[in-house]
C-alpha atoms as a PDB file:
ATOM      1  CA  MET A   1       0.000   0.000   0.000  1.00  0.00           C
ATOM      2  CA  ALA A   2       2.800   2.338   0.915  1.00  0.00           C
ATOM      3  CA  THR A   3       4.490   1.595  -2.380  1.00  0.00           C
ATOM      4  CA  HIS A   4       1.295   2.389  -4.252  1.00  0.00           C
ATOM      5  CA  LEU A   5       1.025   5.771  -2.496  1.00  0.00           C
ATOM      6  CA  ASP A   6       4.668   6.520  -3.128  1.00  0.00           C
ATOM      7  CA  LEU A   7       4.190   5.805  -6.828  1.00  0.00           C
ATOM      8  CA  GLU A   8       1.075   7.978  -6.944  1.00  0.00           C
ATOM      9  CA  GLU A   9       2.853  10.864  -5.230  1.00  0.00           C
ATOM     10  CA  GLN A  10       5.806  10.458  -7.573  1.00  0.00           C
ATOM     11  CA  GLU A  11       3.484  10.627 -10.588  1.00  0.00           C
ATOM     12  CA  GLN A  12       1.866  13.785  -9.215  1.00  0.00           C
ATOM     13  CA  LEU A  13       5.268  15.287  -8.567  1.00  0.00           C
ATOM     14  CA  ASP A  14       6.441  14.429 -12.066  1.00  0.00           C
ATOM     15  CA  ALA A  15       3.267  15.948 -13.525  1.00  0.00           C
ATOM     16  CA  LEU A  16       3.813  19.116 -11.503  1.00  0.00           C
ATOM     17  CA  LYS A  17       7.422  19.331 -12.652  1.00  0.00           C
ATOM     18  CA  HIS A  18       6.342  18.897 -16.254  1.00  0.00           C
ATOM     19  CA  PHE A  19       3.639  21.575 -15.909  1.00  0.00           C
ATOM     20  CA  TRP A  20       6.013  24.022 -14.253  1.00  0.00           C
ATOM     21  CA  LYS A  21       8.706  23.344 -16.854  1.00  0.00           C
ATOM     22  CA  GLN A  22       6.222  24.122 -19.622  1.00  0.00           C
ATOM     23  CA  TRP A  23       4.354  27.051 -18.037  1.00  0.00           C
ATOM     24  CA  GLY A  24       6.491  28.237 -15.134  1.00  0.00           C
ATOM     25  CA  ASN A  25       8.209  31.127 -16.891  1.00  0.00           C
ATOM     26  CA  LEU A  26       4.948  32.454 -18.301  1.00  0.00           C
ATOM     27  CA  ILE A  27       3.216  32.271 -14.925  1.00  0.00           C
ATOM     28  CA  THR A  28       6.152  34.015 -13.261  1.00  0.00           C
ATOM     29  CA  TRP A  29       6.143  36.893 -15.751  1.00  0.00           C
ATOM     30  CA  VAL A  30       2.379  37.270 -15.509  1.00  0.00           C
ATOM     31  CA  LEU A  31       2.621  37.500 -11.728  1.00  0.00           C
ATOM     32  CA  ILE A  32       5.451  40.016 -12.014  1.00  0.00           C
ATOM     33  CA  ALA A  33       3.394  42.116 -14.439  1.00  0.00           C
ATOM     34  CA  VAL A  34       0.289  42.008 -12.225  1.00  0.00           C
ATOM     35  CA  LEU A  35       2.162  42.818  -9.041  1.00  0.00           C
ATOM     36  CA  GLY A  36       4.145  45.509 -10.834  1.00  0.00           C
ATOM     37  CA  ALA A  37       0.969  47.139 -12.141  1.00  0.00           C
ATOM     38  CA  TYR A  38      -0.579  47.031  -8.665  1.00  0.00           C
ATOM     39  CA  ALA A  39       2.514  48.592  -7.139  1.00  0.00           C
ATOM     40  CA  ALA A  40       2.607  51.248  -9.841  1.00  0.00           C
ATOM     41  CA  TRP A  41      -1.067  52.075  -9.263  1.00  0.00           C
ATOM     42  CA  ASN A  42      -0.523  52.430  -5.530  1.00  0.00           C
ATOM     43  CA  GLY A  43       2.546  54.539  -6.187  1.00  0.00           C
ATOM     44  CA  TRP A  44       0.609  56.784  -8.560  1.00  0.00           C
ATOM     45  CA  GLN A  45      -2.210  57.230  -6.063  1.00  0.00           C
ATOM     46  CA  TYR A  46       0.278  58.107  -3.332  1.00  0.00           C
ATOM     47  CA  TRP A  47       2.044  60.595  -5.605  1.00  0.00           C
ATOM     48  CA  GLN A  48      -1.258  62.207  -6.566  1.00  0.00           C
ATOM     49  CA  ARG A  49      -2.271  62.616  -2.929  1.00  0.00           C
ATOM     50  CA  ARG A  50       1.139  64.012  -2.039  1.00  0.00           C
ATOM     51  CA  GLN A  51       1.051  66.484  -4.942  1.00  0.00           C
ATOM     52  CA  ALA A  52      -2.428  67.631  -3.957  1.00  0.00           C
ATOM     53  CA  ASN A  53      -1.388  68.174  -0.338  1.00  0.00           C
ATOM     54  CA  LEU A  54       1.723  70.114  -1.329  1.00  0.00           C
ATOM     55  CA  ALA A  55      -0.235  72.156  -3.865  1.00  0.00           C
ATOM     56  CA  ALA A  56      -2.840  72.967  -1.215  1.00  0.00           C
ATOM     57  CA  ALA A  57      -0.104  74.351   1.026  1.00  0.00           C
ATOM     58  CA  VAL A  58       1.216  76.574  -1.778  1.00  0.00           C
ATOM     59  CA  TYR A  59      -2.331  77.698  -2.603  1.00  0.00           C
ATOM     60  CA  ASP A  60      -2.828  78.683   1.027  1.00  0.00           C
ATOM     61  CA  GLU A  61       0.392  80.686   0.817  1.00  0.00           C
ATOM     62  CA  LEU A  62      -0.924  82.443  -2.287  1.00  0.00           C
ATOM     63  CA  GLY A  63      -4.165  83.226  -0.461  1.00  0.00           C
ATOM     64  CA  ARG A  64      -2.316  84.683   2.495  1.00  0.00           C
ATOM     65  CA  GLY A  65      -0.261  86.800   0.126  1.00  0.00           C
ATOM     66  CA  ALA A  66      -3.448  88.031  -1.544  1.00  0.00           C
ATOM     67  CA  GLN A  67      -5.018  88.955   1.785  1.00  0.00           C
ATOM     68  CA  ALA A  68      -1.882  90.852   2.756  1.00  0.00           C
ATOM     69  CA  GLY A  69      -1.681  92.586  -0.613  1.00  0.00           C
ATOM     70  CA  ASP A  70       1.833  91.186  -1.029  1.00  0.00           C
ATOM     71  CA  MET A  71       2.132  90.777  -4.789  1.00  0.00           C
ATOM     72  CA  ALA A  72       5.674  89.401  -4.661  1.00  0.00           C
ATOM     73  CA  ARG A  73       4.398  86.628  -2.435  1.00  0.00           C
ATOM     74  CA  VAL A  74       1.406  86.025  -4.724  1.00  0.00           C
ATOM     75  CA  GLU A  75       3.525  85.851  -7.868  1.00  0.00           C
ATOM     76  CA  ARG A  76       6.068  83.566  -6.214  1.00  0.00           C
ATOM     77  CA  ALA A  77       3.382  81.134  -5.047  1.00  0.00           C
ATOM     78  CA  LEU A  78       1.655  81.275  -8.426  1.00  0.00           C
ATOM     79  CA  ALA A  79       4.898  80.453 -10.222  1.00  0.00           C
ATOM     80  CA  ASP A  80       5.445  77.477  -7.895  1.00  0.00           C
ATOM     81  CA  LEU A  81       1.923  76.172  -8.473  1.00  0.00           C
ATOM     82  CA  LYS A  82       2.295  76.366 -12.246  1.00  0.00           C
ATOM     83  CA  SER A  83       5.789  74.903 -12.445  1.00  0.00           C
ATOM     84  CA  GLN A  84       5.632  72.221  -9.753  1.00  0.00           C
ATOM     85  CA  TYR A  85       1.951  71.343  -9.341  1.00  0.00           C
ATOM     86  CA  GLY A  86       0.445  72.223 -12.711  1.00  0.00           C
ATOM     87  CA  GLY A  87      -1.564  69.007 -12.843  1.00  0.00           C
ATOM     88  CA  THR A  88      -3.516  69.743  -9.665  1.00  0.00           C
ATOM     89  CA  LEU A  89      -6.866  71.438  -9.166  1.00  0.00           C
ATOM     90  CA  GLN A  90      -5.213  73.908  -6.798  1.00  0.00           C
ATOM     91  CA  ALA A  91      -2.985  75.204  -9.594  1.00  0.00           C
ATOM     92  CA  GLY A  92      -6.005  76.289 -11.614  1.00  0.00           C
ATOM     93  CA  GLN A  93      -7.692  77.813  -8.579  1.00  0.00           C
ATOM     94  CA  GLY A  94      -4.494  79.612  -7.647  1.00  0.00           C
ATOM     95  CA  ALA A  95      -4.050  81.000 -11.151  1.00  0.00           C
ATOM     96  CA  LEU A  96      -7.586  82.418 -11.078  1.00  0.00           C
ATOM     97  CA  LEU A  97      -6.967  84.061  -7.711  1.00  0.00           C
ATOM     98  CA  GLY A  98      -3.555  85.283  -8.801  1.00  0.00           C
ATOM     99  CA  ALA A  99      -4.994  86.749 -12.004  1.00  0.00           C
ATOM    100  CA  LYS A 100      -7.607  88.651 -10.003  1.00  0.00           C
ATOM    101  CA  MET A 101      -4.955  90.157  -7.745  1.00  0.00           C
ATOM    102  CA  LEU A 102      -2.661  90.993 -10.652  1.00  0.00           C
ATOM    103  CA  TYR A 103      -5.460  92.797 -12.479  1.00  0.00           C
ATOM    104  CA  GLN A 104      -6.405  94.749  -9.366  1.00  0.00           C
ATOM    105  CA  LYS A 105      -2.769  95.790  -9.010  1.00  0.00           C
ATOM    106  CA  ASP A 106      -2.768  97.152 -12.569  1.00  0.00           C
ATOM    107  CA  LYS A 107      -0.852  94.262 -14.103  1.00  0.00           C
ATOM    108  CA  PRO A 108      -3.209  93.274 -16.932  1.00  0.00           C
ATOM    109  CA  ALA A 109      -0.560  91.517 -19.015  1.00  0.00           C
ATOM    110  CA  GLU A 110       0.392  89.250 -16.112  1.00  0.00           C
ATOM    111  CA  ALA A 111      -3.290  88.682 -15.302  1.00  0.00           C
ATOM    112  CA  LYS A 112      -4.019  87.647 -18.880  1.00  0.00           C
ATOM    113  CA  ALA A 113      -1.037  85.293 -18.847  1.00  0.00           C
ATOM    114  CA  ALA A 114      -2.328  83.601 -15.695  1.00  0.00           C
ATOM    115  CA  LEU A 115      -5.821  83.229 -17.161  1.00  0.00           C
ATOM    116  CA  ALA A 116      -4.452  81.939 -20.465  1.00  0.00           C
ATOM    117  CA  TRP A 117      -2.462  79.341 -18.529  1.00  0.00           C
ATOM    118  CA  VAL A 118      -5.660  78.018 -16.946  1.00  0.00           C
ATOM    119  CA  VAL A 119      -7.364  77.903 -20.355  1.00  0.00           C
ATOM    120  CA  GLU A 120      -4.472  76.007 -21.928  1.00  0.00           C
ATOM    121  CA  GLN A 121      -3.168  73.899 -19.037  1.00  0.00           C
ATOM    122  CA  GLY A 122      -6.032  73.632 -16.572  1.00  0.00           C
ATOM    123  CA  LYS A 123      -7.349  70.187 -15.673  1.00  0.00           C
ATOM    124  CA  ASP A 124     -10.868  71.192 -14.648  1.00  0.00           C
ATOM    125  CA  GLU A 125     -13.370  72.204 -17.336  1.00  0.00           C
ATOM    126  CA  GLY A 126     -15.270  74.475 -14.954  1.00  0.00           C
ATOM    127  CA  LEU A 127     -12.150  76.427 -14.022  1.00  0.00           C
ATOM    128  CA  LYS A 128     -11.163  76.676 -17.681  1.00  0.00           C
ATOM    129  CA  ALA A 129     -14.581  78.117 -18.510  1.00  0.00           C
ATOM    130  CA  VAL A 130     -14.292  80.699 -15.721  1.00  0.00           C
ATOM    131  CA  ALA A 131     -10.813  81.624 -16.956  1.00  0.00           C
ATOM    132  CA  ARG A 132     -12.128  82.144 -20.505  1.00  0.00           C
ATOM    133  CA  LEU A 133     -14.920  84.404 -19.290  1.00  0.00           C
ATOM    134  CA  ARG A 134     -12.539  86.487 -17.181  1.00  0.00           C
ATOM    135  CA  LEU A 135      -9.932  86.661 -19.939  1.00  0.00           C
ATOM    136  CA  ALA A 136     -12.587  87.885 -22.370  1.00  0.00           C
ATOM    137  CA  SER A 137     -13.602  90.556 -19.839  1.00  0.00           C
ATOM    138  CA  VAL A 138     -10.023  91.819 -19.607  1.00  0.00           C
ATOM    139  CA  GLN A 139      -9.699  91.829 -23.390  1.00  0.00           C
ATOM    140  CA  THR A 140     -12.994  93.665 -23.721  1.00  0.00           C
ATOM    141  CA  GLY A 141     -11.806  96.266 -21.221  1.00  0.00           C
ATOM    142  CA  GLU A 142      -8.753  96.794 -23.424  1.00  0.00           C
ATOM    143  CA  LYS A 143     -11.049  97.142 -26.472  1.00  0.00           C
ATOM    144  CA  ALA A 144      -9.457  94.029 -27.980  1.00  0.00           C
ATOM    145  CA  TYR A 145     -12.879  92.964 -29.199  1.00  0.00           C
ATOM    146  CA  ASP A 146     -11.775  90.454 -31.821  1.00  0.00           C
ATOM    147  CA  GLU A 147      -9.529  88.739 -29.287  1.00  0.00           C
ATOM    148  CA  ALA A 148     -12.383  88.616 -26.795  1.00  0.00           C
ATOM    149  CA  LEU A 149     -14.717  87.039 -29.347  1.00  0.00           C
ATOM    150  CA  LYS A 150     -12.031  84.501 -30.219  1.00  0.00           C
ATOM    151  CA  THR A 151     -11.681  83.622 -26.527  1.00  0.00           C
ATOM    152  CA  LEU A 152     -15.457  83.252 -26.271  1.00  0.00           C
ATOM    153  CA  SER A 153     -15.722  81.145 -29.425  1.00  0.00           C
ATOM    154  CA  ALA A 154     -14.634  77.994 -27.564  1.00  0.00           C
ATOM    155  CA  GLU A 155     -17.233  75.429 -26.578  1.00  0.00           C
ATOM    156  CA  PHE A 156     -18.339  76.008 -22.993  1.00  0.00           C
ATOM    157  CA  PRO A 157     -19.752  73.424 -20.586  1.00  0.00           C
ATOM    158  CA  ALA A 158     -23.538  73.635 -20.366  1.00  0.00           C
ATOM    159  CA  PRO A 159     -23.654  75.560 -17.029  1.00  0.00           C
ATOM    160  CA  PHE A 160     -21.513  78.328 -18.588  1.00  0.00           C
ATOM    161  CA  ALA A 161     -23.075  78.511 -22.055  1.00  0.00           C
ATOM    162  CA  ALA A 162     -25.540  81.285 -21.197  1.00  0.00           C
ATOM    163  CA  LEU A 163     -22.830  83.345 -19.495  1.00  0.00           C
ATOM    164  CA  ALA A 164     -20.614  83.049 -22.567  1.00  0.00           C
ATOM    165  CA  ALA A 165     -23.485  84.112 -24.838  1.00  0.00           C
ATOM    166  CA  ASP A 166     -24.147  87.156 -22.665  1.00  0.00           C
ATOM    167  CA  ARG A 167     -20.479  88.092 -22.787  1.00  0.00           C
ATOM    168  CA  ARG A 168     -20.396  87.708 -26.588  1.00  0.00           C
ATOM    169  CA  GLY A 169     -23.463  89.928 -26.771  1.00  0.00           C
ATOM    170  CA  ASP A 170     -21.667  92.643 -24.806  1.00  0.00           C
ATOM    171  CA  VAL A 171     -18.668  92.554 -27.148  1.00  0.00           C
ATOM    172  CA  LEU A 172     -20.802  92.603 -30.292  1.00  0.00           C
ATOM    173  CA  TRP A 173     -22.845  95.497 -28.946  1.00  0.00           C
ATOM    174  CA  LEU A 174     -19.658  97.460 -28.288  1.00  0.00           C
ATOM    175  CA  GLN A 175     -18.685  96.772 -31.896  1.00  0.00           C
ATOM    176  CA  GLY A 176     -21.980  98.255 -33.054  1.00  0.00           C
ATOM    177  CA  LYS A 177     -23.319  94.881 -34.241  1.00  0.00           C
ATOM    178  CA  ARG A 178     -26.747  95.236 -32.717  1.00  0.00           C
ATOM    179  CA  ALA A 179     -28.521  92.365 -34.479  1.00  0.00           C
ATOM    180  CA  GLU A 180     -25.751  89.896 -33.648  1.00  0.00           C
ATOM    181  CA  ALA A 181     -25.648  91.177 -30.068  1.00  0.00           C
ATOM    182  CA  ALA A 182     -29.411  90.712 -29.709  1.00  0.00           C
ATOM    183  CA  ALA A 183     -29.102  87.141 -30.978  1.00  0.00           C
ATOM    184  CA  GLU A 184     -26.481  86.327 -28.346  1.00  0.00           C
ATOM    185  CA  PHE A 185     -28.477  88.014 -25.575  1.00  0.00           C
ATOM    186  CA  GLY A 186     -31.455  85.951 -26.710  1.00  0.00           C
ATOM    187  CA  LYS A 187     -29.432  82.759 -26.312  1.00  0.00           C
ATOM    188  CA  ALA A 188     -28.355  83.861 -22.852  1.00  0.00           C
ATOM    189  CA  TYR A 189     -31.921  84.755 -21.833  1.00  0.00           C
ATOM    190  CA  LYS A 190     -33.226  81.391 -23.019  1.00  0.00           C
ATOM    191  CA  GLY A 191     -30.337  79.524 -21.437  1.00  0.00           C
ATOM    192  CA  LEU A 192     -30.937  80.934 -17.966  1.00  0.00           C
ATOM    193  CA  ALA A 193     -33.702  79.505 -15.843  1.00  0.00           C
ATOM    194  CA  ALA A 194     -36.560  81.800 -14.876  1.00  0.00           C
ATOM    195  CA  ASP A 195     -35.342  81.687 -11.279  1.00  0.00           C
ATOM    196  CA  ALA A 196     -31.947  83.114 -12.285  1.00  0.00           C
ATOM    197  CA  GLY A 197     -33.261  86.334 -10.832  1.00  0.00           C
ATOM    198  CA  GLU A 198     -31.608  89.696 -11.300  1.00  0.00           C
ATOM    199  CA  TYR A 199     -29.034  88.503 -13.809  1.00  0.00           C
ATOM    200  CA  ARG A 200     -31.720  87.272 -16.214  1.00  0.00           C
ATOM    201  CA  ARG A 201     -33.578  90.561 -15.816  1.00  0.00           C
ATOM    202  CA  VAL A 202     -30.418  92.477 -16.726  1.00  0.00           C
ATOM    203  CA  ILE A 203     -30.173  90.510 -19.962  1.00  0.00           C
ATOM    204  CA  GLY A 204     -33.824  91.326 -20.558  1.00  0.00           C
ATOM    205  CA  TYR A 205     -33.012  95.040 -20.171  1.00  0.00           C
ATOM    206  CA  LYS A 206     -30.235  94.675 -22.758  1.00  0.00           C
ATOM    207  CA  LEU A 207     -32.678  93.107 -25.199  1.00  0.00           C
ATOM    208  CA  ASN A 208     -35.196  95.904 -24.563  1.00  0.00           C
ATOM    209  CA  ALA A 209     -32.467  98.481 -25.231  1.00  0.00           C
ATOM    210  CA  LEU A 210     -31.876  96.797 -28.582  1.00  0.00           C
ATOM    211  CA  GLY A 211     -35.564  96.924 -29.407  1.00  0.00           C
ATOM    212  CA  VAL A 212     -36.240  93.252 -28.699  1.00  0.00           C
ATOM    213  CA  ASP A 213     -38.967  91.972 -26.412  1.00  0.00           C
ATOM    214  CA  PRO A 214     -37.306  89.193 -24.344  1.00  0.00           C
ATOM    215  CA  ASP A 215     -40.688  87.538 -23.849  1.00  0.00           C
ATOM    216  CA  ALA A 216     -41.443  87.416 -27.576  1.00  0.00           C
ATOM    217  CA  ALA A 217     -41.602  84.087 -29.399  1.00  0.00           C
ATOM    218  CA  GLY A 218     -38.213  82.554 -29.891  1.00  0.00           C
ATOM    219  CA  VAL A 219     -36.689  84.307 -26.885  1.00  0.00           C
ATOM    220  CA  THR A 220     -38.700  83.031 -23.952  1.00  0.00           C
ATOM    221  CA  SER A 221     -37.294  80.156 -21.922  1.00  0.00           C
END
């Protein structure tokens, strides 16, 4: 009986050796690939969390500089966010805040550069839309109307579409293109919900000033 068991175990062992000889290398490399991918994923997640935490600290520094009116501090923090943490949400938020401070301190060129960076490099579509709207406002203030319209020609996420149409209407009106302006204001009026309140009423006033009844067919929401 013992001999029979020994022979059976030997056969199983030989079968295992044969299987491992045939498939062992493949199994080993598959395991290495799987474990390597898992380790890489964990490493990436850790790096992302670390970058976000570091970026948050720099963003806080930028905010403190803004509160203190210390533009050197603001610009230094903004440069760090863009160069070291450009892939984070905080970088886009910081660039928007930095642009606001730069514009208030009569540095429109630097403000536009910060906003353009968000438009081109930002990772969040909402922040990019806000940056486009603000950049167009700065360009409009400089009477760079064609540049403003080009900035506003991009496709905006749905929550920002009406705001972009209103802004285009303003630029076209300043260019003396009343019919085109009214068309854009009409899009904005339709795109805003009736409970949008005062802002929707302001667009209605613009339409009235252009001789258009905002509640006429084709303009009502």
